[in-house]
């Protein structure tokens, strides 16, 4: 019995030794895939259909209470005028209310008093661009004396974005085929696709900036030109080449 156990153990050891001495067969690495990378661009030009405006009221009085009261009354008149011009209440949003002392100095450099300044700004969304000029006139007549900028934009860019992506893919495919033909190569399967949407920055038109009622009344007669926006999509594609 002991001899039998020793014989089995010897067979096991021999098998292990043979396994350790056997050469390891490594699989050959796959040849690198040759590829052609291209970037396609698609652009769509849009006519703005919405505008964003910052309209403000600036007041300055001898006391903080007087400055706030005057500003509140003047701002309310502006808001009422905007609503009367057709702007929905949800499209008027207060973005800034601030008050601070303004030190008064004489020619001698000495402080001779202090006034209090109040600024109240609202962010207005205008959805009917053909009413924009009249709306601004109404706001200025009601007491607005600070309009920082007009930003033109497009409310819904969904379809324009689809079209720009299609144009970008088409442009990338055309480039890839052209380069392959010039190089004497054949295009294989697409290996990867990536894209980047460059949304148009709302076009900003300076309409007026502070300066009191006289300056704003002069600016109000200037026609508003929304211009165009450009939506750009860049697509990167990688092809196997043969």
C-alpha atoms as a PDB file:
ATOM      1  CA  UNK A   1       0.000   0.000   0.000  1.00  0.00           C
ATOM      2  CA  UNK A   2       2.822   2.376   0.870  1.00  0.00           C
ATOM      3  CA  UNK A   3       4.554   1.625  -2.417  1.00  0.00           C
ATOM      4  CA  UNK A   4       1.350   2.388  -4.290  1.00  0.00           C
ATOM      5  CA  UNK A   5       1.031   5.788  -2.597  1.00  0.00           C
ATOM      6  CA  UNK A   6       4.639   6.594  -3.394  1.00  0.00           C
ATOM      7  CA  UNK A   7       4.115   5.628  -7.036  1.00  0.00           C
ATOM      8  CA  UNK A   8       1.060   7.944  -7.393  1.00  0.00           C
ATOM      9  CA  UNK A   9       2.922  10.794  -5.749  1.00  0.00           C
ATOM     10  CA  UNK A  10       5.796  10.355  -8.170  1.00  0.00           C
ATOM     11  CA  UNK A  11       3.411  10.525 -11.114  1.00  0.00           C
ATOM     12  CA  UNK A  12       1.890  13.767  -9.798  1.00  0.00           C
ATOM     13  CA  UNK A  13       5.297  15.363  -9.297  1.00  0.00           C
ATOM     14  CA  UNK A  14       6.364  14.311 -12.770  1.00  0.00           C
ATOM     15  CA  UNK A  15       3.239  15.840 -14.289  1.00  0.00           C
ATOM     16  CA  UNK A  16       3.850  19.101 -12.447  1.00  0.00           C
ATOM     17  CA  UNK A  17       7.437  19.187 -13.597  1.00  0.00           C
ATOM     18  CA  UNK A  18       6.449  18.624 -17.201  1.00  0.00           C
ATOM     19  CA  UNK A  19       3.836  21.397 -16.938  1.00  0.00           C
ATOM     20  CA  UNK A  20       6.402  23.802 -15.557  1.00  0.00           C
ATOM     21  CA  UNK A  21       8.838  23.008 -18.355  1.00  0.00           C
ATOM     22  CA  UNK A  22       6.253  23.376 -21.145  1.00  0.00           C
ATOM     23  CA  UNK A  23       6.723  26.578 -23.152  1.00  0.00           C
ATOM     24  CA  UNK A  24       3.933  29.222 -22.791  1.00  0.00           C
ATOM     25  CA  UNK A  25       2.305  29.991 -26.121  1.00  0.00           C
ATOM     26  CA  UNK A  26       1.513  33.733 -26.410  1.00  0.00           C
ATOM     27  CA  UNK A  27      -1.118  34.957 -28.843  1.00  0.00           C
ATOM     28  CA  UNK A  28       0.158  37.250 -31.546  1.00  0.00           C
ATOM     29  CA  UNK A  29      -0.877  40.887 -30.936  1.00  0.00           C
ATOM     30  CA  UNK A  30      -3.514  42.186 -33.302  1.00  0.00           C
ATOM     31  CA  UNK A  31      -2.078  44.486 -35.957  1.00  0.00           C
ATOM     32  CA  UNK A  32      -2.844  48.148 -35.293  1.00  0.00           C
ATOM     33  CA  UNK A  33      -5.879  49.501 -37.098  1.00  0.00           C
ATOM     34  CA  UNK A  34      -4.976  52.221 -39.551  1.00  0.00           C
ATOM     35  CA  UNK A  35      -7.402  55.088 -39.301  1.00  0.00           C
ATOM     36  CA  UNK A  36      -8.345  58.376 -40.891  1.00  0.00           C
ATOM     37  CA  UNK A  37      -9.683  61.153 -38.643  1.00  0.00           C
ATOM     38  CA  UNK A  38     -11.740  64.054 -39.951  1.00  0.00           C
ATOM     39  CA  UNK A  39     -13.691  66.975 -38.510  1.00  0.00           C
ATOM     40  CA  UNK A  40     -16.877  68.144 -40.167  1.00  0.00           C
ATOM     41  CA  UNK A  41     -18.594  71.468 -39.577  1.00  0.00           C
ATOM     42  CA  UNK A  42     -22.269  72.300 -39.954  1.00  0.00           C
ATOM     43  CA  UNK A  43     -23.678  75.811 -39.662  1.00  0.00           C
ATOM     44  CA  UNK A  44     -27.210  77.158 -39.560  1.00  0.00           C
ATOM     45  CA  UNK A  45     -28.110  80.843 -39.648  1.00  0.00           C
ATOM     46  CA  UNK A  46     -31.017  81.893 -37.466  1.00  0.00           C
ATOM     47  CA  UNK A  47     -33.172  85.000 -37.308  1.00  0.00           C
ATOM     48  CA  UNK A  48     -33.707  86.041 -33.677  1.00  0.00           C
ATOM     49  CA  UNK A  49     -37.257  85.803 -32.387  1.00  0.00           C
ATOM     50  CA  UNK A  50     -36.743  86.860 -28.769  1.00  0.00           C
ATOM     51  CA  UNK A  51     -34.886  89.589 -26.909  1.00  0.00           C
ATOM     52  CA  UNK A  52     -33.638  90.030 -23.343  1.00  0.00           C
ATOM     53  CA  UNK A  53     -33.227  93.497 -21.870  1.00  0.00           C
ATOM     54  CA  UNK A  54     -31.936  94.882 -18.577  1.00  0.00           C
ATOM     55  CA  UNK A  55     -33.970  97.959 -17.704  1.00  0.00           C
ATOM     56  CA  UNK A  56     -33.104  99.989 -14.631  1.00  0.00           C
ATOM     57  CA  UNK A  57     -34.149 102.970 -12.542  1.00  0.00           C
ATOM     58  CA  UNK A  58     -31.509 105.087 -10.816  1.00  0.00           C
ATOM     59  CA  UNK A  59     -32.509 107.599  -8.124  1.00  0.00           C
ATOM     60  CA  UNK A  60     -30.537 109.781  -5.727  1.00  0.00           C
ATOM     61  CA  UNK A  61     -31.993 111.631  -2.732  1.00  0.00           C
ATOM     62  CA  UNK A  62     -30.905 113.230   0.529  1.00  0.00           C
ATOM     63  CA  UNK A  63     -31.939 110.305   2.731  1.00  0.00           C
ATOM     64  CA  UNK A  64     -32.091 106.569   2.234  1.00  0.00           C
ATOM     65  CA  UNK A  65     -35.848 106.505   2.834  1.00  0.00           C
ATOM     66  CA  UNK A  66     -36.469 109.219   0.255  1.00  0.00           C
ATOM     67  CA  UNK A  67     -34.241 107.483  -2.319  1.00  0.00           C
ATOM     68  CA  UNK A  68     -36.012 104.146  -1.834  1.00  0.00           C
ATOM     69  CA  UNK A  69     -39.486 105.703  -1.977  1.00  0.00           C
ATOM     70  CA  UNK A  70     -38.685 107.631  -5.159  1.00  0.00           C
ATOM     71  CA  UNK A  71     -37.153 104.570  -6.774  1.00  0.00           C
ATOM     72  CA  UNK A  72     -40.062 102.307  -5.834  1.00  0.00           C
ATOM     73  CA  UNK A  73     -42.585 104.702  -7.363  1.00  0.00           C
ATOM     74  CA  UNK A  74     -40.556 105.200 -10.538  1.00  0.00           C
ATOM     75  CA  UNK A  75     -39.826 101.476 -10.968  1.00  0.00           C
ATOM     76  CA  UNK A  76     -43.488 100.589 -10.513  1.00  0.00           C
ATOM     77  CA  UNK A  77     -44.410 103.016 -13.294  1.00  0.00           C
ATOM     78  CA  UNK A  78     -41.867 101.329 -15.568  1.00  0.00           C
ATOM     79  CA  UNK A  79     -43.209  97.849 -14.770  1.00  0.00           C
ATOM     80  CA  UNK A  80     -46.784  99.002 -15.377  1.00  0.00           C
ATOM     81  CA  UNK A  81     -45.716 100.464 -18.725  1.00  0.00           C
ATOM     82  CA  UNK A  82     -44.023  97.186 -19.718  1.00  0.00           C
ATOM     83  CA  UNK A  83     -47.134  95.185 -18.883  1.00  0.00           C
ATOM     84  CA  UNK A  84     -49.303  97.642 -20.787  1.00  0.00           C
ATOM     85  CA  UNK A  85     -46.975  97.213 -23.774  1.00  0.00           C
ATOM     86  CA  UNK A  86     -47.735  93.474 -23.761  1.00  0.00           C
ATOM     87  CA  UNK A  87     -44.999  91.972 -21.589  1.00  0.00           C
ATOM     88  CA  UNK A  88     -46.266  89.145 -19.385  1.00  0.00           C
ATOM     89  CA  UNK A  89     -45.612  89.454 -15.647  1.00  0.00           C
ATOM     90  CA  UNK A  90     -43.576  86.214 -15.690  1.00  0.00           C
ATOM     91  CA  UNK A  91     -41.199  87.832 -18.187  1.00  0.00           C
ATOM     92  CA  UNK A  92     -40.257  90.635 -15.791  1.00  0.00           C
ATOM     93  CA  UNK A  93     -37.753  89.634 -13.110  1.00  0.00           C
ATOM     94  CA  UNK A  94     -35.890  91.812 -10.627  1.00  0.00           C
ATOM     95  CA  UNK A  95     -32.164  91.161 -10.887  1.00  0.00           C
ATOM     96  CA  UNK A  96     -30.686  93.916  -8.739  1.00  0.00           C
ATOM     97  CA  UNK A  97     -31.698  96.241  -5.944  1.00  0.00           C
ATOM     98  CA  UNK A  98     -28.959  98.194  -4.239  1.00  0.00           C
ATOM     99  CA  UNK A  99     -28.571 101.275  -2.083  1.00  0.00           C
ATOM    100  CA  UNK A 100     -25.421 103.050  -0.984  1.00  0.00           C
ATOM    101  CA  UNK A 101     -24.274 106.428   0.355  1.00  0.00           C
ATOM    102  CA  UNK A 102     -22.627 108.817  -2.072  1.00  0.00           C
ATOM    103  CA  UNK A 103     -20.206 111.163  -0.327  1.00  0.00           C
ATOM    104  CA  UNK A 104     -20.318 114.756  -1.557  1.00  0.00           C
ATOM    105  CA  UNK A 105     -17.083 116.742  -1.684  1.00  0.00           C
ATOM    106  CA  UNK A 106     -16.512 120.404  -2.384  1.00  0.00           C
ATOM    107  CA  UNK A 107     -13.724 122.087  -4.370  1.00  0.00           C
ATOM    108  CA  UNK A 108     -11.658 122.187  -1.192  1.00  0.00           C
ATOM    109  CA  UNK A 109     -11.698 118.407  -1.009  1.00  0.00           C
ATOM    110  CA  UNK A 110     -13.724 118.402   2.198  1.00  0.00           C
ATOM    111  CA  UNK A 111     -16.872 116.361   2.650  1.00  0.00           C
ATOM    112  CA  UNK A 112     -19.934 118.583   2.564  1.00  0.00           C
ATOM    113  CA  UNK A 113     -22.674 116.013   2.855  1.00  0.00           C
ATOM    114  CA  UNK A 114     -23.988 112.697   1.635  1.00  0.00           C
ATOM    115  CA  UNK A 115     -26.761 111.545  -0.672  1.00  0.00           C
ATOM    116  CA  UNK A 116     -28.208 108.072  -1.054  1.00  0.00           C
ATOM    117  CA  UNK A 117     -28.301 106.225  -4.366  1.00  0.00           C
ATOM    118  CA  UNK A 118     -30.753 103.442  -5.231  1.00  0.00           C
ATOM    119  CA  UNK A 119     -30.584 101.227  -8.318  1.00  0.00           C
ATOM    120  CA  UNK A 120     -33.319  98.805  -9.284  1.00  0.00           C
ATOM    121  CA  UNK A 121     -32.924  96.643 -12.404  1.00  0.00           C
ATOM    122  CA  UNK A 122     -35.354  94.213 -14.023  1.00  0.00           C
ATOM    123  CA  UNK A 123     -34.619  91.555 -16.614  1.00  0.00           C
ATOM    124  CA  UNK A 124     -37.270  91.643 -19.331  1.00  0.00           C
ATOM    125  CA  UNK A 125     -38.004  88.982 -21.950  1.00  0.00           C
ATOM    126  CA  UNK A 126     -39.570  90.379 -25.127  1.00  0.00           C
ATOM    127  CA  UNK A 127     -41.249  87.739 -27.271  1.00  0.00           C
ATOM    128  CA  UNK A 128     -42.590  90.045 -29.992  1.00  0.00           C
ATOM    129  CA  UNK A 129     -39.607  91.732 -31.602  1.00  0.00           C
ATOM    130  CA  UNK A 130     -41.710  94.009 -33.782  1.00  0.00           C
ATOM    131  CA  UNK A 131     -42.902  95.753 -30.602  1.00  0.00           C
ATOM    132  CA  UNK A 132     -39.425  96.247 -29.172  1.00  0.00           C
ATOM    133  CA  UNK A 133     -38.898  99.861 -30.225  1.00  0.00           C
ATOM    134  CA  UNK A 134     -42.266 101.017 -28.878  1.00  0.00           C
ATOM    135  CA  UNK A 135     -41.732  99.034 -25.684  1.00  0.00           C
ATOM    136  CA  UNK A 136     -38.440 100.793 -25.000  1.00  0.00           C
ATOM    137  CA  UNK A 137     -40.011 104.171 -25.681  1.00  0.00           C
ATOM    138  CA  UNK A 138     -42.766 103.359 -23.191  1.00  0.00           C
ATOM    139  CA  UNK A 139     -40.300 102.236 -20.512  1.00  0.00           C
ATOM    140  CA  UNK A 140     -38.181 105.371 -20.907  1.00  0.00           C
ATOM    141  CA  UNK A 141     -41.214 107.641 -20.834  1.00  0.00           C
ATOM    142  CA  UNK A 142     -42.321 105.926 -17.617  1.00  0.00           C
ATOM    143  CA  UNK A 143     -39.012 106.676 -15.883  1.00  0.00           C
ATOM    144  CA  UNK A 144     -36.433 104.064 -16.928  1.00  0.00           C
ATOM    145  CA  UNK A 145     -33.032 105.760 -17.131  1.00  0.00           C
ATOM    146  CA  UNK A 146     -30.677 102.791 -17.500  1.00  0.00           C
ATOM    147  CA  UNK A 147     -30.788 100.169 -20.244  1.00  0.00           C
ATOM    148  CA  UNK A 148     -27.582  98.174 -20.259  1.00  0.00           C
ATOM    149  CA  UNK A 149     -28.023  96.004 -23.346  1.00  0.00           C
ATOM    150  CA  UNK A 150     -30.349  94.172 -25.671  1.00  0.00           C
ATOM    151  CA  UNK A 151     -29.584  90.481 -26.208  1.00  0.00           C
ATOM    152  CA  UNK A 152     -31.143  88.827 -29.238  1.00  0.00           C
ATOM    153  CA  UNK A 153     -31.669  85.075 -29.221  1.00  0.00           C
ATOM    154  CA  UNK A 154     -33.747  82.210 -30.650  1.00  0.00           C
ATOM    155  CA  UNK A 155     -36.208  80.625 -28.246  1.00  0.00           C
ATOM    156  CA  UNK A 156     -36.273  77.108 -29.747  1.00  0.00           C
ATOM    157  CA  UNK A 157     -33.092  75.859 -31.448  1.00  0.00           C
ATOM    158  CA  UNK A 158     -34.090  72.162 -31.617  1.00  0.00           C
ATOM    159  CA  UNK A 159     -34.678  71.852 -35.372  1.00  0.00           C
ATOM    160  CA  UNK A 160     -31.774  74.136 -36.226  1.00  0.00           C
ATOM    161  CA  UNK A 161     -29.476  71.996 -34.091  1.00  0.00           C
ATOM    162  CA  UNK A 162     -30.604  68.817 -35.889  1.00  0.00           C
ATOM    163  CA  UNK A 163     -29.958  70.412 -39.254  1.00  0.00           C
ATOM    164  CA  UNK A 164     -26.504  71.621 -38.193  1.00  0.00           C
ATOM    165  CA  UNK A 165     -25.579  68.125 -36.985  1.00  0.00           C
ATOM    166  CA  UNK A 166     -26.712  66.601 -40.285  1.00  0.00           C
ATOM    167  CA  UNK A 167     -24.626  69.124 -42.199  1.00  0.00           C
ATOM    168  CA  UNK A 168     -21.604  68.436 -39.989  1.00  0.00           C
ATOM    169  CA  UNK A 169     -21.819  64.647 -40.511  1.00  0.00           C
ATOM    170  CA  UNK A 170     -22.270  65.132 -44.253  1.00  0.00           C
ATOM    171  CA  UNK A 171     -19.245  67.433 -44.349  1.00  0.00           C
ATOM    172  CA  UNK A 172     -17.116  64.936 -42.411  1.00  0.00           C
ATOM    173  CA  UNK A 173     -18.075  62.052 -44.728  1.00  0.00           C
ATOM    174  CA  UNK A 174     -17.266  64.100 -47.810  1.00  0.00           C
ATOM    175  CA  UNK A 175     -13.878  65.054 -46.414  1.00  0.00           C
ATOM    176  CA  UNK A 176     -13.067  61.457 -45.499  1.00  0.00           C
ATOM    177  CA  UNK A 177     -13.974  60.166 -48.963  1.00  0.00           C
ATOM    178  CA  UNK A 178     -12.030  62.931 -50.682  1.00  0.00           C
ATOM    179  CA  UNK A 179      -8.896  62.280 -48.612  1.00  0.00           C
ATOM    180  CA  UNK A 180      -9.166  58.528 -49.151  1.00  0.00           C
ATOM    181  CA  UNK A 181      -9.485  58.955 -52.922  1.00  0.00           C
ATOM    182  CA  UNK A 182      -6.491  61.305 -53.073  1.00  0.00           C
ATOM    183  CA  UNK A 183      -4.391  58.918 -50.990  1.00  0.00           C
ATOM    184  CA  UNK A 184      -5.412  55.801 -52.919  1.00  0.00           C
ATOM    185  CA  UNK A 185      -7.078  54.253 -49.900  1.00  0.00           C
ATOM    186  CA  UNK A 186     -10.426  52.676 -49.218  1.00  0.00           C
ATOM    187  CA  UNK A 187     -12.622  53.637 -46.298  1.00  0.00           C
ATOM    188  CA  UNK A 188     -13.639  50.911 -43.889  1.00  0.00           C
ATOM    189  CA  UNK A 189     -16.074  50.985 -40.986  1.00  0.00           C
ATOM    190  CA  UNK A 190     -16.538  54.077 -38.847  1.00  0.00           C
ATOM    191  CA  UNK A 191     -14.610  53.536 -35.611  1.00  0.00           C
ATOM    192  CA  UNK A 192     -15.820  56.482 -33.552  1.00  0.00           C
ATOM    193  CA  UNK A 193     -17.998  59.586 -33.716  1.00  0.00           C
ATOM    194  CA  UNK A 194     -17.923  62.648 -31.484  1.00  0.00           C
ATOM    195  CA  UNK A 195     -19.548  66.055 -31.732  1.00  0.00           C
ATOM    196  CA  UNK A 196     -19.525  69.469 -30.147  1.00  0.00           C
ATOM    197  CA  UNK A 197     -22.425  71.920 -30.273  1.00  0.00           C
ATOM    198  CA  UNK A 198     -21.415  75.562 -30.255  1.00  0.00           C
ATOM    199  CA  UNK A 199     -24.620  77.283 -29.242  1.00  0.00           C
ATOM    200  CA  UNK A 200     -24.908  80.852 -30.465  1.00  0.00           C
ATOM    201  CA  UNK A 201     -24.170  83.513 -27.925  1.00  0.00           C
ATOM    202  CA  UNK A 202     -27.078  85.944 -27.828  1.00  0.00           C
ATOM    203  CA  UNK A 203     -26.234  88.964 -29.946  1.00  0.00           C
ATOM    204  CA  UNK A 204     -25.850  92.022 -27.735  1.00  0.00           C
ATOM    205  CA  UNK A 205     -26.699  95.496 -28.983  1.00  0.00           C
ATOM    206  CA  UNK A 206     -25.824  98.447 -26.789  1.00  0.00           C
ATOM    207  CA  UNK A 207     -28.913 100.581 -26.521  1.00  0.00           C
ATOM    208  CA  UNK A 208     -28.005 102.954 -23.762  1.00  0.00           C
ATOM    209  CA  UNK A 209     -26.269 102.949 -20.424  1.00  0.00           C
ATOM    210  CA  UNK A 210     -27.398 105.309 -17.737  1.00  0.00           C
ATOM    211  CA  UNK A 211     -26.958 108.986 -18.324  1.00  0.00           C
ATOM    212  CA  UNK A 212     -30.422 110.179 -17.372  1.00  0.00           C
ATOM    213  CA  UNK A 213     -33.600 110.769 -19.327  1.00  0.00           C
ATOM    214  CA  UNK A 214     -32.228 113.115 -21.997  1.00  0.00           C
ATOM    215  CA  UNK A 215     -29.683 110.635 -23.304  1.00  0.00           C
ATOM    216  CA  UNK A 216     -32.191 107.789 -23.225  1.00  0.00           C
ATOM    217  CA  UNK A 217     -34.794 109.780 -25.181  1.00  0.00           C
ATOM    218  CA  UNK A 218     -32.251 110.423 -27.921  1.00  0.00           C
ATOM    219  CA  UNK A 219     -31.353 106.725 -28.090  1.00  0.00           C
ATOM    220  CA  UNK A 220     -35.011 105.679 -28.234  1.00  0.00           C
ATOM    221  CA  UNK A 221     -35.376 106.934 -31.799  1.00  0.00           C
ATOM    222  CA  UNK A 222     -32.722 104.527 -33.113  1.00  0.00           C
ATOM    223  CA  UNK A 223     -34.223 101.549 -35.045  1.00  0.00           C
ATOM    224  CA  UNK A 224     -33.499  98.110 -33.569  1.00  0.00           C
ATOM    225  CA  UNK A 225     -31.797  95.609 -35.906  1.00  0.00           C
ATOM    226  CA  UNK A 226     -31.718  92.014 -34.548  1.00  0.00           C
ATOM    227  CA  UNK A 227     -29.345  90.721 -37.261  1.00  0.00           C
ATOM    228  CA  UNK A 228     -28.617  86.967 -37.447  1.00  0.00           C
ATOM    229  CA  UNK A 229     -27.241  84.274 -35.167  1.00  0.00           C
ATOM    230  CA  UNK A 230     -24.990  81.400 -36.255  1.00  0.00           C
ATOM    231  CA  UNK A 231     -25.308  77.933 -34.712  1.00  0.00           C
ATOM    232  CA  UNK A 232     -22.236  75.744 -35.325  1.00  0.00           C
ATOM    233  CA  UNK A 233     -21.768  71.990 -34.780  1.00  0.00           C
ATOM    234  CA  UNK A 234     -18.418  70.209 -35.133  1.00  0.00           C
ATOM    235  CA  UNK A 235     -18.362  66.428 -35.684  1.00  0.00           C
ATOM    236  CA  UNK A 236     -15.226  64.295 -35.408  1.00  0.00           C
ATOM    237  CA  UNK A 237     -15.226  60.914 -37.152  1.00  0.00           C
ATOM    238  CA  UNK A 238     -12.638  58.162 -37.328  1.00  0.00           C
ATOM    239  CA  UNK A 239     -12.616  55.662 -40.243  1.00  0.00           C
ATOM    240  CA  UNK A 240     -10.713  52.434 -40.673  1.00  0.00           C
ATOM    241  CA  UNK A 241      -8.674  52.650 -43.868  1.00  0.00           C
ATOM    242  CA  UNK A 242      -7.544  49.797 -46.135  1.00  0.00           C
END
